[in-house]
Structures are given as C-alpha cells and as structure tokens.
C-alpha cells in the first residue's frame, strides 16, 4: 500500500483504545521505502502492545507524509456547566505544556473564530515568523466555523480533536482526528 501511495509515508496505529498515538509509540514518520515501512509496522505493534497489553488493534493506517506547516489544533468538549465548548490553539507542546489556547461556546461565529485565533500568544507564528510561511488565517476562521456547525448538527458528539492541523498559506490539512460519542449515542 505504501508503494501505491508513494513515499515518504506515515504509519499510525488504528485503535479505539489509543487516543494519543505518539505517546504509545503508535506513529512512525517519514518512511522512505518498503523496508522502513515493514520495520516501523512491527515496532508500532510491539510498542502499543507493551504500553496497552489488552489493546484492541483495528489496524495500522498508511498515509502520505504531509509537508510541514504551522501546527494548530481544533478541539471540542462538553463542559458540565457551560455546555459545548470549542478550542483553538497551536498544536504540539504549545498546547500541552503552555496551554496556549482559546475557547468559545458553540455556536461559533466568524467573528468569534477571528478572535479565537488572534488571542493566542502564538498568533505571530500564524502570520509568518522569521521567514516561515504564513498560515491562511481566513481559511482557519472558516474551518473553526465549519467544525462548530458540524458539532451543532451532531449533538451525539462528546469530544472531538483535530490535531495536528497543518496550516499553510493556501489551505489547512488535518493529519489526525478523533471523535468520541456520548455513551448513549447510536451510530
């Protein structure tokens, strides 16, 4: 399959038990040939099974390696007091360690989305910092609004995470995502 996609590729574990794939050793990047893919496949299975001995593995996905961009996150959670909340921020360690994110209640308007993006401390990175390509901020605003609309139309969603999204000057590309449904939701 990797040869059909074209190298370089990324392998990712597919399992309902593994939300944070990288932490479990479930992601291998920039694989340039079949030998690397075979080795990475075995390493992913071994690592994930060691970390989660009772894991249910549905498979391993192979995806074309995306070119780097500014990494952002769009997430959603249902807060018991406030209701459905949408989050935007820079991805990776900036969200996990520095908590550089902004929040709004759903539904999120175009104005809300613009404010969410501008209020994070990492906003200068989106504008293009030290020669880096700027992100298409209007496209990100539109994406935030579309995610908000998707959440409104699907109230059975309990949590949603698009992370990372590579933001480019002409578009954005979500390279990983997950959705958790309410326990009583029927699919």
N, C-alpha and C. Protein backbone atom coordinates (compact mmCIF):
# COMPACT_ATOMS: atom_id res chain seq x y z
N UNK A 1 0.83 -1.19 0.00
CA UNK A 1 0.00 0.00 0.00
C UNK A 1 0.88 1.25 0.00
N UNK A 2 1.97 1.23 0.75
CA UNK A 2 2.86 2.39 0.82
C UNK A 2 3.45 2.72 -0.55
N UNK A 3 3.77 1.70 -1.32
CA UNK A 3 4.29 1.95 -2.67
C UNK A 3 3.23 2.61 -3.53
N UNK A 4 1.97 2.20 -3.38
CA UNK A 4 0.89 2.81 -4.16
C UNK A 4 0.67 4.27 -3.78
N UNK A 5 0.75 4.57 -2.49
CA UNK A 5 0.57 5.94 -2.01
C UNK A 5 1.72 6.82 -2.50
N UNK A 6 2.92 6.25 -2.45
CA UNK A 6 4.13 6.99 -2.81
C UNK A 6 4.86 7.45 -1.55
N UNK A 7 6.14 7.22 -1.55
CA UNK A 7 6.96 7.59 -0.39
C UNK A 7 7.27 9.07 -0.42
N UNK A 8 7.54 9.66 0.74
CA UNK A 8 7.52 9.11 2.09
C UNK A 8 6.10 8.98 2.62
N UNK A 9 5.94 8.05 3.58
CA UNK A 9 4.64 7.80 4.19
C UNK A 9 4.75 7.88 5.71
N UNK A 10 3.58 7.87 6.33
CA UNK A 10 3.43 7.86 7.78
C UNK A 10 2.59 6.63 8.12
N UNK A 11 2.97 5.91 9.17
CA UNK A 11 2.14 4.82 9.70
C UNK A 11 1.58 5.26 11.05
N UNK A 12 0.29 4.93 11.28
CA UNK A 12 -0.37 5.27 12.54
C UNK A 12 -1.22 4.10 13.00
N UNK A 13 -1.17 3.83 14.28
CA UNK A 13 -2.00 2.79 14.87
C UNK A 13 -3.47 3.19 14.75
N UNK A 14 -4.33 2.21 14.51
CA UNK A 14 -5.77 2.45 14.48
C UNK A 14 -6.36 1.59 15.59
N UNK A 15 -6.81 2.26 16.66
CA UNK A 15 -7.33 1.55 17.82
C UNK A 15 -8.23 2.47 18.62
N UNK A 16 -9.38 1.98 19.04
CA UNK A 16 -10.24 2.80 19.91
C UNK A 16 -9.63 2.98 21.30
N UNK A 17 -8.64 2.17 21.64
CA UNK A 17 -8.02 2.23 22.96
C UNK A 17 -6.82 3.18 23.01
N UNK A 18 -6.39 3.69 21.87
CA UNK A 18 -5.19 4.53 21.83
C UNK A 18 -5.56 5.90 21.25
N UNK A 19 -5.76 6.85 22.15
CA UNK A 19 -6.12 8.20 21.72
C UNK A 19 -4.86 8.98 21.36
N UNK A 20 -3.86 8.93 22.23
CA UNK A 20 -2.61 9.65 21.99
C UNK A 20 -1.60 8.69 21.36
N UNK A 21 -1.68 8.60 20.05
CA UNK A 21 -0.90 7.63 19.29
C UNK A 21 0.60 7.77 19.49
N UNK A 22 1.10 9.00 19.46
CA UNK A 22 2.54 9.23 19.58
C UNK A 22 3.06 8.77 20.93
N UNK A 23 2.30 9.04 22.00
CA UNK A 23 2.73 8.64 23.34
C UNK A 23 2.85 7.13 23.47
N UNK A 24 2.09 6.40 22.67
CA UNK A 24 2.12 4.93 22.73
C UNK A 24 3.12 4.33 21.75
N UNK A 25 3.85 5.18 21.03
CA UNK A 25 4.76 4.66 20.01
C UNK A 25 4.01 4.19 18.78
N UNK A 26 2.82 4.74 18.58
CA UNK A 26 1.95 4.31 17.50
C UNK A 26 2.03 5.12 16.23
N UNK A 27 3.06 5.95 16.09
CA UNK A 27 3.23 6.77 14.89
C UNK A 27 4.69 6.69 14.43
N UNK A 28 4.87 6.47 13.15
CA UNK A 28 6.21 6.48 12.55
C UNK A 28 6.15 7.40 11.33
N UNK A 29 7.06 8.37 11.28
CA UNK A 29 7.03 9.40 10.25
C UNK A 29 8.14 9.22 9.21
N UNK A 30 7.89 9.79 8.05
CA UNK A 30 8.91 9.96 7.00
C UNK A 30 9.57 8.66 6.58
N UNK A 31 8.76 7.64 6.37
CA UNK A 31 9.27 6.33 5.94
C UNK A 31 9.47 6.38 4.44
N UNK A 32 10.70 6.10 4.01
CA UNK A 32 11.08 6.36 2.62
C UNK A 32 11.14 5.13 1.72
N UNK A 33 10.96 3.92 2.28
CA UNK A 33 10.99 2.72 1.45
C UNK A 33 10.25 1.57 2.14
N UNK A 34 10.06 0.48 1.42
CA UNK A 34 9.30 -0.66 1.94
C UNK A 34 9.94 -1.29 3.16
N UNK A 35 11.27 -1.34 3.20
CA UNK A 35 11.96 -1.93 4.35
C UNK A 35 11.68 -1.11 5.61
N UNK A 36 11.73 0.22 5.49
CA UNK A 36 11.43 1.07 6.64
C UNK A 36 9.98 0.90 7.09
N UNK A 37 9.08 0.77 6.13
CA UNK A 37 7.66 0.58 6.45
C UNK A 37 7.46 -0.73 7.20
N UNK A 38 8.07 -1.81 6.74
CA UNK A 38 7.93 -3.11 7.41
C UNK A 38 8.46 -3.07 8.83
N UNK A 39 9.62 -2.45 9.02
CA UNK A 39 10.23 -2.33 10.34
C UNK A 39 9.34 -1.47 11.25
N UNK A 40 8.85 -0.35 10.73
CA UNK A 40 8.00 0.55 11.51
C UNK A 40 6.70 -0.13 11.91
N UNK A 41 6.14 -0.93 11.02
CA UNK A 41 4.90 -1.66 11.31
C UNK A 41 5.10 -2.56 12.53
N UNK A 42 6.17 -3.33 12.52
CA UNK A 42 6.46 -4.24 13.65
C UNK A 42 6.73 -3.46 14.94
N UNK A 43 7.46 -2.36 14.84
CA UNK A 43 7.77 -1.54 16.01
C UNK A 43 6.51 -0.93 16.63
N UNK A 44 5.59 -0.48 15.78
CA UNK A 44 4.33 0.08 16.28
C UNK A 44 3.55 -0.98 17.05
N UNK A 45 3.38 -2.15 16.46
CA UNK A 45 2.63 -3.21 17.14
C UNK A 45 3.26 -3.57 18.48
N UNK A 46 4.57 -3.73 18.51
CA UNK A 46 5.28 -4.08 19.74
C UNK A 46 5.12 -2.99 20.80
N UNK A 47 5.34 -1.76 20.42
CA UNK A 47 5.27 -0.65 21.36
C UNK A 47 3.87 -0.48 21.94
N UNK A 48 2.87 -0.50 21.09
CA UNK A 48 1.49 -0.30 21.55
C UNK A 48 1.07 -1.46 22.45
N UNK A 49 1.41 -2.68 22.09
CA UNK A 49 1.03 -3.84 22.92
C UNK A 49 1.75 -3.82 24.27
N UNK A 50 2.98 -3.30 24.30
CA UNK A 50 3.69 -3.18 25.58
C UNK A 50 3.04 -2.12 26.47
N UNK A 51 2.65 -1.02 25.86
CA UNK A 51 2.05 0.08 26.63
C UNK A 51 0.61 -0.25 27.06
N UNK A 52 -0.12 -0.94 26.19
CA UNK A 52 -1.52 -1.30 26.45
C UNK A 52 -1.70 -2.80 26.20
N UNK A 53 -1.41 -3.65 27.19
CA UNK A 53 -1.45 -5.11 26.97
C UNK A 53 -2.80 -5.66 26.48
N UNK A 54 -3.90 -5.00 26.82
CA UNK A 54 -5.22 -5.51 26.42
C UNK A 54 -5.81 -4.70 25.26
N UNK A 55 -4.96 -4.05 24.49
CA UNK A 55 -5.39 -3.17 23.41
C UNK A 55 -6.12 -3.92 22.31
N UNK A 56 -7.15 -3.27 21.75
CA UNK A 56 -7.83 -3.78 20.56
C UNK A 56 -7.26 -2.98 19.39
N UNK A 57 -6.57 -3.67 18.50
CA UNK A 57 -5.97 -3.02 17.35
C UNK A 57 -6.79 -3.33 16.11
N UNK A 58 -7.30 -2.28 15.48
CA UNK A 58 -8.07 -2.45 14.25
C UNK A 58 -7.17 -2.51 13.02
N UNK A 59 -5.97 -1.95 13.15
CA UNK A 59 -5.04 -1.96 12.03
C UNK A 59 -4.02 -0.86 12.17
N UNK A 60 -3.29 -0.65 11.10
CA UNK A 60 -2.32 0.45 11.03
C UNK A 60 -2.58 1.16 9.71
N UNK A 61 -2.77 2.47 9.79
CA UNK A 61 -3.04 3.22 8.56
C UNK A 61 -1.73 3.71 7.96
N UNK A 62 -1.71 3.76 6.65
CA UNK A 62 -0.58 4.31 5.91
C UNK A 62 -1.09 5.56 5.20
N UNK A 63 -0.39 6.66 5.38
CA UNK A 63 -0.80 7.94 4.80
C UNK A 63 0.40 8.62 4.16
N UNK A 64 0.14 9.38 3.14
CA UNK A 64 1.18 10.19 2.52
C UNK A 64 1.70 11.19 3.54
N UNK A 65 3.00 11.33 3.63
CA UNK A 65 3.62 12.29 4.54
C UNK A 65 3.29 13.70 4.06
N UNK A 66 2.70 14.50 4.95
CA UNK A 66 2.35 15.88 4.61
C UNK A 66 3.55 16.78 4.84
N UNK A 67 3.66 17.82 4.03
CA UNK A 67 4.75 18.76 4.24
C UNK A 67 4.47 19.56 5.51
N UNK A 68 5.53 19.97 6.20
CA UNK A 68 5.33 20.71 7.45
C UNK A 68 4.61 22.03 7.23
N UNK A 69 3.89 22.44 8.23
CA UNK A 69 3.21 23.73 8.24
C UNK A 69 3.12 24.17 9.69
N UNK A 70 2.49 25.29 9.96
CA UNK A 70 2.25 25.69 11.33
C UNK A 70 1.21 24.73 11.89
N UNK A 71 1.51 24.10 13.01
CA UNK A 71 0.61 23.09 13.57
C UNK A 71 -0.38 23.74 14.54
N UNK A 72 -1.67 23.54 14.24
CA UNK A 72 -2.73 24.04 15.11
C UNK A 72 -3.65 22.90 15.51
N UNK A 73 -4.50 23.19 16.48
CA UNK A 73 -5.46 22.21 16.98
C UNK A 73 -6.83 22.88 17.06
N UNK A 74 -7.85 22.11 16.72
CA UNK A 74 -9.23 22.49 16.99
C UNK A 74 -9.84 21.33 17.76
N UNK A 75 -10.37 21.63 18.93
CA UNK A 75 -10.94 20.59 19.77
C UNK A 75 -12.28 21.01 20.32
N UNK A 76 -13.01 20.03 20.81
CA UNK A 76 -14.33 20.30 21.36
C UNK A 76 -14.57 19.38 22.54
N UNK A 77 -15.26 19.91 23.55
CA UNK A 77 -15.61 19.12 24.72
C UNK A 77 -16.95 19.64 25.23
N UNK A 78 -17.65 18.79 25.97
CA UNK A 78 -18.89 19.22 26.60
C UNK A 78 -18.60 19.46 28.07
N UNK A 79 -18.64 20.72 28.45
CA UNK A 79 -18.42 21.11 29.84
C UNK A 79 -19.74 20.99 30.60
N UNK A 80 -19.73 20.36 31.79
CA UNK A 80 -21.00 20.18 32.52
C UNK A 80 -21.70 21.49 32.88
N UNK A 81 -20.94 22.57 33.05
CA UNK A 81 -21.56 23.84 33.43
C UNK A 81 -21.83 24.76 32.25
N UNK A 82 -20.92 24.78 31.28
CA UNK A 82 -21.03 25.74 30.19
C UNK A 82 -21.64 25.17 28.92
N UNK A 83 -21.60 23.87 28.77
CA UNK A 83 -22.11 23.25 27.55
C UNK A 83 -20.99 22.95 26.57
N UNK A 84 -21.31 22.97 25.30
CA UNK A 84 -20.36 22.60 24.26
C UNK A 84 -19.37 23.75 24.01
N UNK A 85 -18.09 23.42 24.17
CA UNK A 85 -17.02 24.41 24.08
C UNK A 85 -16.06 24.01 22.98
N UNK A 86 -15.69 24.98 22.14
CA UNK A 86 -14.74 24.76 21.05
C UNK A 86 -13.42 25.43 21.43
N UNK A 87 -12.30 24.76 21.11
CA UNK A 87 -10.97 25.24 21.45
C UNK A 87 -10.14 25.39 20.18
N UNK A 88 -9.29 26.41 20.17
CA UNK A 88 -8.32 26.59 19.10
C UNK A 88 -6.98 26.96 19.72
N UNK A 89 -5.89 26.45 19.13
CA UNK A 89 -4.57 26.82 19.62
C UNK A 89 -3.49 26.25 18.72
N UNK A 90 -2.25 26.53 19.10
CA UNK A 90 -1.13 25.90 18.42
C UNK A 90 -0.99 24.50 18.97
N UNK A 91 -0.58 23.59 18.13
CA UNK A 91 -0.53 22.18 18.50
C UNK A 91 0.81 21.82 19.13
N UNK A 92 0.97 20.54 19.45
CA UNK A 92 2.22 20.04 19.99
C UNK A 92 2.44 20.51 21.42
N UNK A 93 3.69 20.78 21.76
CA UNK A 93 4.00 21.16 23.14
C UNK A 93 3.35 22.48 23.53
N UNK A 94 3.05 23.32 22.56
CA UNK A 94 2.45 24.61 22.88
C UNK A 94 1.06 24.45 23.48
N UNK A 95 0.33 23.43 23.08
CA UNK A 95 -0.98 23.20 23.68
C UNK A 95 -0.84 22.38 24.95
N UNK A 96 0.05 21.39 24.96
CA UNK A 96 0.16 20.50 26.10
C UNK A 96 0.87 21.12 27.29
N UNK A 97 1.94 21.86 27.05
CA UNK A 97 2.73 22.42 28.14
C UNK A 97 2.32 23.86 28.44
N UNK A 98 2.23 24.69 27.41
CA UNK A 98 1.98 26.10 27.63
C UNK A 98 0.49 26.46 27.68
N UNK A 99 -0.38 25.54 27.25
CA UNK A 99 -1.83 25.76 27.26
C UNK A 99 -2.20 27.05 26.52
N UNK A 100 -1.54 27.28 25.37
CA UNK A 100 -1.79 28.47 24.57
C UNK A 100 -2.99 28.22 23.67
N UNK A 101 -4.19 28.32 24.26
CA UNK A 101 -5.43 28.03 23.54
C UNK A 101 -6.48 29.09 23.87
N UNK A 102 -7.50 29.13 23.05
CA UNK A 102 -8.65 30.00 23.30
C UNK A 102 -9.91 29.15 23.19
N UNK A 103 -10.99 29.60 23.84
CA UNK A 103 -12.24 28.84 23.89
C UNK A 103 -13.42 29.74 23.54
N UNK A 104 -14.46 29.11 22.97
CA UNK A 104 -15.74 29.77 22.75
C UNK A 104 -16.84 28.72 22.89
N UNK A 105 -18.01 29.20 23.30
CA UNK A 105 -19.17 28.33 23.33
C UNK A 105 -19.69 28.15 21.92
N UNK A 106 -20.17 26.95 21.62
CA UNK A 106 -20.78 26.66 20.33
C UNK A 106 -22.22 27.16 20.39
N UNK A 107 -22.72 27.85 19.38
CA UNK A 107 -22.16 28.02 18.04
C UNK A 107 -21.12 29.14 17.99
N UNK A 108 -20.11 28.93 17.17
CA UNK A 108 -19.04 29.89 16.98
C UNK A 108 -19.28 30.64 15.67
N UNK A 109 -19.28 31.96 15.76
CA UNK A 109 -19.48 32.81 14.58
C UNK A 109 -18.14 33.11 13.92
N UNK A 110 -18.18 33.71 12.75
CA UNK A 110 -16.95 34.13 12.05
C UNK A 110 -16.16 35.11 12.92
N UNK A 111 -16.86 36.02 13.57
CA UNK A 111 -16.20 36.98 14.46
C UNK A 111 -15.53 36.26 15.64
N UNK A 112 -16.24 35.30 16.23
CA UNK A 112 -15.67 34.51 17.33
C UNK A 112 -14.38 33.81 16.88
N UNK A 113 -14.45 33.20 15.69
CA UNK A 113 -13.30 32.46 15.17
C UNK A 113 -12.10 33.38 14.98
N UNK A 114 -12.35 34.57 14.44
CA UNK A 114 -11.27 35.55 14.24
C UNK A 114 -10.64 35.92 15.59
N UNK A 115 -11.48 36.15 16.60
CA UNK A 115 -10.98 36.49 17.93
C UNK A 115 -10.21 35.33 18.54
N UNK A 116 -10.72 34.11 18.39
CA UNK A 116 -10.04 32.93 18.95
C UNK A 116 -8.61 32.82 18.42
N UNK A 117 -8.47 33.05 17.13
CA UNK A 117 -7.14 32.93 16.50
C UNK A 117 -6.22 34.04 16.98
N UNK A 118 -6.72 35.26 17.03
CA UNK A 118 -5.87 36.41 17.37
C UNK A 118 -5.48 36.45 18.84
N UNK A 119 -6.25 35.81 19.72
CA UNK A 119 -5.94 35.95 21.14
C UNK A 119 -4.92 34.95 21.66
N UNK A 120 -4.50 33.98 20.87
CA UNK A 120 -3.46 33.08 21.37
C UNK A 120 -2.11 33.78 21.31
N UNK A 121 -1.23 33.43 22.23
CA UNK A 121 0.10 34.06 22.28
C UNK A 121 0.93 33.71 21.04
N UNK A 122 0.67 32.56 20.44
CA UNK A 122 1.42 32.12 19.27
C UNK A 122 0.92 32.70 17.97
N UNK A 123 0.01 33.67 18.02
CA UNK A 123 -0.53 34.26 16.80
C UNK A 123 0.55 34.72 15.81
N UNK A 124 1.65 35.32 16.26
CA UNK A 124 2.69 35.74 15.30
C UNK A 124 3.21 34.59 14.44
N UNK A 125 3.19 33.37 14.94
CA UNK A 125 3.61 32.22 14.13
C UNK A 125 2.67 32.02 12.95
N UNK A 126 1.40 32.30 13.15
CA UNK A 126 0.42 32.15 12.07
C UNK A 126 0.59 33.24 11.00
N UNK A 127 1.12 34.38 11.40
CA UNK A 127 1.34 35.47 10.45
C UNK A 127 2.60 35.27 9.61
N UNK A 128 3.41 34.30 9.99
CA UNK A 128 4.68 34.07 9.30
C UNK A 128 5.79 34.70 10.11
N UNK A 129 6.55 33.90 10.77
CA UNK A 129 7.57 34.40 11.69
C UNK A 129 8.95 33.99 11.21
N UNK A 130 9.86 34.96 11.14
CA UNK A 130 11.26 34.72 10.74
C UNK A 130 11.37 33.91 9.45
N UNK A 131 10.66 34.36 8.46
CA UNK A 131 10.77 33.74 7.15
C UNK A 131 9.91 32.50 6.94
N UNK A 132 9.18 32.07 7.97
CA UNK A 132 8.29 30.93 7.82
C UNK A 132 7.05 31.34 7.04
N UNK A 133 6.50 30.40 6.31
CA UNK A 133 5.28 30.64 5.53
C UNK A 133 4.12 30.99 6.46
N UNK A 134 3.37 32.05 6.16
CA UNK A 134 2.21 32.37 7.00
C UNK A 134 1.08 31.38 6.74
N UNK A 135 0.22 31.26 7.72
CA UNK A 135 -0.99 30.44 7.58
C UNK A 135 -2.08 31.28 6.92
N UNK A 136 -3.00 30.60 6.26
CA UNK A 136 -4.15 31.26 5.67
C UNK A 136 -5.18 31.44 6.80
N UNK A 137 -5.11 32.58 7.45
CA UNK A 137 -5.94 32.83 8.63
C UNK A 137 -7.43 32.84 8.28
N UNK A 138 -7.88 33.46 7.17
CA UNK A 138 -9.30 33.37 6.82
C UNK A 138 -9.77 31.91 6.63
N UNK A 139 -8.90 31.06 6.08
CA UNK A 139 -9.26 29.65 5.92
C UNK A 139 -9.44 28.99 7.29
N UNK A 140 -8.54 29.31 8.25
CA UNK A 140 -8.66 28.75 9.60
C UNK A 140 -9.95 29.24 10.28
N UNK A 141 -10.28 30.51 10.08
CA UNK A 141 -11.53 31.04 10.63
C UNK A 141 -12.72 30.25 10.10
N UNK A 142 -12.72 30.02 8.80
CA UNK A 142 -13.80 29.26 8.16
C UNK A 142 -13.85 27.82 8.69
N UNK A 143 -12.68 27.22 8.88
CA UNK A 143 -12.62 25.86 9.40
C UNK A 143 -13.20 25.77 10.81
N UNK A 144 -12.88 26.74 11.66
CA UNK A 144 -13.42 26.76 13.02
C UNK A 144 -14.94 26.85 12.97
N UNK A 145 -15.48 27.72 12.12
CA UNK A 145 -16.94 27.86 11.99
C UNK A 145 -17.56 26.57 11.48
N UNK A 146 -16.93 25.92 10.50
CA UNK A 146 -17.46 24.66 9.96
C UNK A 146 -17.45 23.54 11.00
N UNK A 147 -16.40 23.49 11.81
CA UNK A 147 -16.36 22.49 12.89
C UNK A 147 -17.49 22.77 13.88
N UNK A 148 -17.70 24.03 14.23
CA UNK A 148 -18.79 24.41 15.11
C UNK A 148 -20.14 23.96 14.54
N UNK A 149 -20.35 24.20 13.25
CA UNK A 149 -21.61 23.79 12.61
C UNK A 149 -21.77 22.27 12.61
N UNK A 150 -20.68 21.56 12.37
CA UNK A 150 -20.70 20.10 12.39
C UNK A 150 -21.10 19.59 13.78
N UNK A 151 -20.55 20.22 14.80
CA UNK A 151 -20.86 19.82 16.18
C UNK A 151 -22.34 20.08 16.48
N UNK A 152 -22.84 21.22 16.04
CA UNK A 152 -24.26 21.54 16.26
C UNK A 152 -25.18 20.52 15.61
N UNK A 153 -24.81 20.06 14.43
CA UNK A 153 -25.64 19.10 13.69
C UNK A 153 -25.51 17.68 14.24
N UNK A 154 -24.52 17.45 15.09
CA UNK A 154 -24.27 16.11 15.62
C UNK A 154 -24.13 16.16 17.14
N UNK A 155 -25.25 16.37 17.84
CA UNK A 155 -25.18 16.53 19.30
C UNK A 155 -24.72 15.27 20.05
N UNK A 156 -24.62 14.16 19.36
CA UNK A 156 -24.14 12.94 20.00
C UNK A 156 -22.63 12.95 20.21
N UNK A 157 -21.95 13.96 19.66
CA UNK A 157 -20.50 14.06 19.84
C UNK A 157 -20.21 14.58 21.24
N UNK A 158 -19.40 13.84 21.97
CA UNK A 158 -18.98 14.22 23.32
C UNK A 158 -17.65 14.97 23.28
N UNK A 159 -16.71 14.47 22.46
CA UNK A 159 -15.40 15.11 22.31
C UNK A 159 -14.96 15.00 20.86
N UNK A 160 -14.16 15.98 20.43
CA UNK A 160 -13.64 15.99 19.08
C UNK A 160 -12.25 16.61 19.13
N UNK A 161 -11.34 16.08 18.32
CA UNK A 161 -9.99 16.60 18.31
C UNK A 161 -9.42 16.49 16.90
N UNK A 162 -9.08 17.62 16.30
CA UNK A 162 -8.35 17.67 15.03
C UNK A 162 -6.95 18.15 15.39
N UNK A 163 -6.00 17.22 15.42
CA UNK A 163 -4.69 17.55 15.96
C UNK A 163 -3.63 16.57 15.50
N UNK A 164 -2.64 17.05 14.75
CA UNK A 164 -2.45 18.42 14.33
C UNK A 164 -3.16 18.72 13.01
N UNK A 165 -3.38 19.99 12.81
CA UNK A 165 -3.79 20.52 11.52
C UNK A 165 -2.59 21.33 11.02
N UNK A 166 -2.10 21.01 9.84
CA UNK A 166 -1.01 21.79 9.26
C UNK A 166 -1.62 22.97 8.51
N UNK A 167 -1.29 24.16 8.97
CA UNK A 167 -1.80 25.38 8.35
C UNK A 167 -0.78 25.90 7.35
N UNK A 168 -1.22 26.05 6.11
CA UNK A 168 -0.37 26.54 5.03
C UNK A 168 -0.89 27.88 4.55
N UNK A 169 -0.17 28.51 3.63
CA UNK A 169 -0.60 29.82 3.12
C UNK A 169 -1.85 29.73 2.24
N UNK A 170 -2.13 28.54 1.69
CA UNK A 170 -3.27 28.40 0.79
C UNK A 170 -4.38 27.50 1.32
N UNK A 171 -4.11 26.78 2.40
CA UNK A 171 -5.11 25.82 2.91
C UNK A 171 -4.68 25.31 4.27
N UNK A 172 -5.41 24.33 4.78
CA UNK A 172 -5.04 23.63 6.02
C UNK A 172 -5.37 22.16 5.82
N UNK A 173 -4.61 21.29 6.49
CA UNK A 173 -4.78 19.86 6.34
C UNK A 173 -4.75 19.19 7.70
N UNK A 174 -5.87 18.60 8.11
CA UNK A 174 -5.91 17.84 9.37
C UNK A 174 -5.25 16.49 9.11
N UNK A 175 -4.19 16.20 9.84
CA UNK A 175 -3.49 14.94 9.62
C UNK A 175 -3.84 13.89 10.67
N UNK A 176 -4.59 14.26 11.69
CA UNK A 176 -5.11 13.28 12.64
C UNK A 176 -6.37 13.84 13.28
N UNK A 177 -7.28 12.95 13.60
CA UNK A 177 -8.55 13.37 14.19
C UNK A 177 -9.17 12.21 14.95
N UNK A 178 -9.95 12.54 15.96
CA UNK A 178 -10.77 11.53 16.62
C UNK A 178 -12.03 12.18 17.16
N UNK A 179 -13.06 11.35 17.29
CA UNK A 179 -14.35 11.78 17.82
C UNK A 179 -14.80 10.72 18.82
N UNK A 180 -15.26 11.18 19.98
CA UNK A 180 -15.84 10.28 20.97
C UNK A 180 -17.32 10.65 21.08
N UNK A 181 -18.17 9.63 20.96
CA UNK A 181 -19.61 9.84 21.04
C UNK A 181 -20.11 9.68 22.47
N UNK A 182 -21.24 10.30 22.75
CA UNK A 182 -21.90 10.11 24.05
C UNK A 182 -22.16 8.61 24.23
N UNK A 183 -22.08 8.10 25.48
CA UNK A 183 -22.27 6.67 25.71
C UNK A 183 -23.61 6.14 25.21
N UNK A 184 -24.63 6.97 25.19
CA UNK A 184 -25.95 6.52 24.75
C UNK A 184 -26.21 6.74 23.29
N UNK A 185 -25.24 7.33 22.58
CA UNK A 185 -25.41 7.64 21.15
C UNK A 185 -25.46 6.37 20.32
N UNK A 186 -26.35 6.38 19.34
CA UNK A 186 -26.43 5.27 18.39
C UNK A 186 -25.80 5.71 17.10
N UNK A 187 -24.98 4.85 16.54
CA UNK A 187 -24.28 5.19 15.31
C UNK A 187 -25.03 4.63 14.12
